Each structure stands twice: as C-alpha cells, then as structure tokens.
Amino acid sequence: MICKIKIIGLGPGDVELLSCKGKSYIEKSNLIIGNQRHIESVQSICLLERCVVLNKITEIAEILKNELAYQGENRLVSVIVSGDTGFYSLLDYIMRSIPSKFHENIEVIPAISSFQYMFGKLKKCWHNYLLVSLHGRDLDFIPHLNFSKDGIVMLTDKHNNWKTISKKLIVNNLNDIQVIIGENLSYENEKIYSFKVSQYESYNFSTDTPSVIVLEKRSERCAHI
C-alpha cells in the first residue's frame, strides 16, 4: 500500500485560482483535509463525505501518520493550505511532524499568494516591496517599512488590523503613507480600499476580517480598483 500526500495551495480562496494539477488531485483524492474555509472553497469539486475539517492545526499530524501507516489499498490524500504553500504555511508544520522516511510520499503543489493576487488587482509589480506577516503574530513592521524601497505588504488578522496599523504609522510620524486594504480577495464580496494614513479616522471599515494591507511610500499611486 502506498499513501501519496499532496499539499495543495488554495490561493486567495476562489477555487478557480487553483492550479489545474491541484484541482485534479483534489477531484481524485480519497481524503481531503483542510479548515472550514478551505473545504467550503473546494466542495464544488469533491465529495463532502471525503472531507475532514480541521479544528486544530495539531490534528493534521495524527491524521497523516494514520494514513501513512494504513495497510490497505493505495490512498491519495490532499491537504488544502491557504495561499502560497511556502509563505507562513502549514507545510512547515507538516514536514516537521511527519517522519523523514515518508517525505518522498509528499508532493507540494503551490498556488498564487493573496499578496500576488492583490498586486494583480492593483496592476502593479511587488518586487520593490517587503513581505511581512502579522497574521497570528506581533511584529514591529516600522523598521521593515523604513528599509523598503516602495513599501511593505502585510498579511493581517483581527488584532493587527488596518486601524491599529494606521495608529502606529501616525505615532511614528509616517503621515504620508498610502494604505491599501484588500478584504475577501477573490471572493464575490471582495473589497479594496485606499486612503492616506493621515485621514484614517475618516473611515470605518471592518476590523474583523483578515486582510492584505499594502503600505505604499512612493508618490506614484496604484491603479486602484
């Protein structure tokens, strides 16, 4: 018996942004693993009875170890992860949790990240921006912003939201920064906002939705949607 594990990047969320290879594996899989949002995103291309929704990240290690130890027919297991498989991804935890002798059974199929999608919507290249994740972690992003050429792009959460970020910019006298917020990227309710940070108090966007936030330093502005 051989168990093949495919770690598949979902991209920003819309199933249409899956790679053809990733989509094909999901359709053929005996088991599809992901969090609630991941499973909801791919339910149109797989059978729900084959899906397992993760309540905790640590559950994935036990599930995969059991699959690898199974002594029956060949199995194909797909693990759905957010965005780019190589940027603050579940991939790292999986590779550390699975014994090295099974690593040859694992294949990684990347997808575009939410920040790549965001810059596509802005019709702009991102090679002069630094990438920072504030999703589930506290980090002083000001040095990164100061060091960058054009600005930084950040993955955020409810705690590190556009309002707390704007306040920190003001405290550090960075009043000319342009803030660009991308919410629910690739979904039907996608929204992209842009404002000068000195005017942030005039806005009342949601602070509950994890977002991609671009802090732009240059006077040349994006082609906003």
Foldseek 3Di string as FASTA:
>chain_A
DAEAEEEFECALQANVQGDPVLLVLQLPFQAEEEAPSNCVRNVVRHPPVRYDHDPDLVVVLVVVVCRRPDDDDYGYYYYYWYAFCPDPISVVVNCVSDPPVCPVSYDYHTTHYPVVLVVVQLVHDCPQAAEEEQDVHDDDCVVSQVPTDWWYKYWHALVPFPVVVLVVCVVVVVQQKKKWKWFSPPDPPIDIDIDGSVCVVVDDDDSHTTIIMTTTDDPDGTNHD
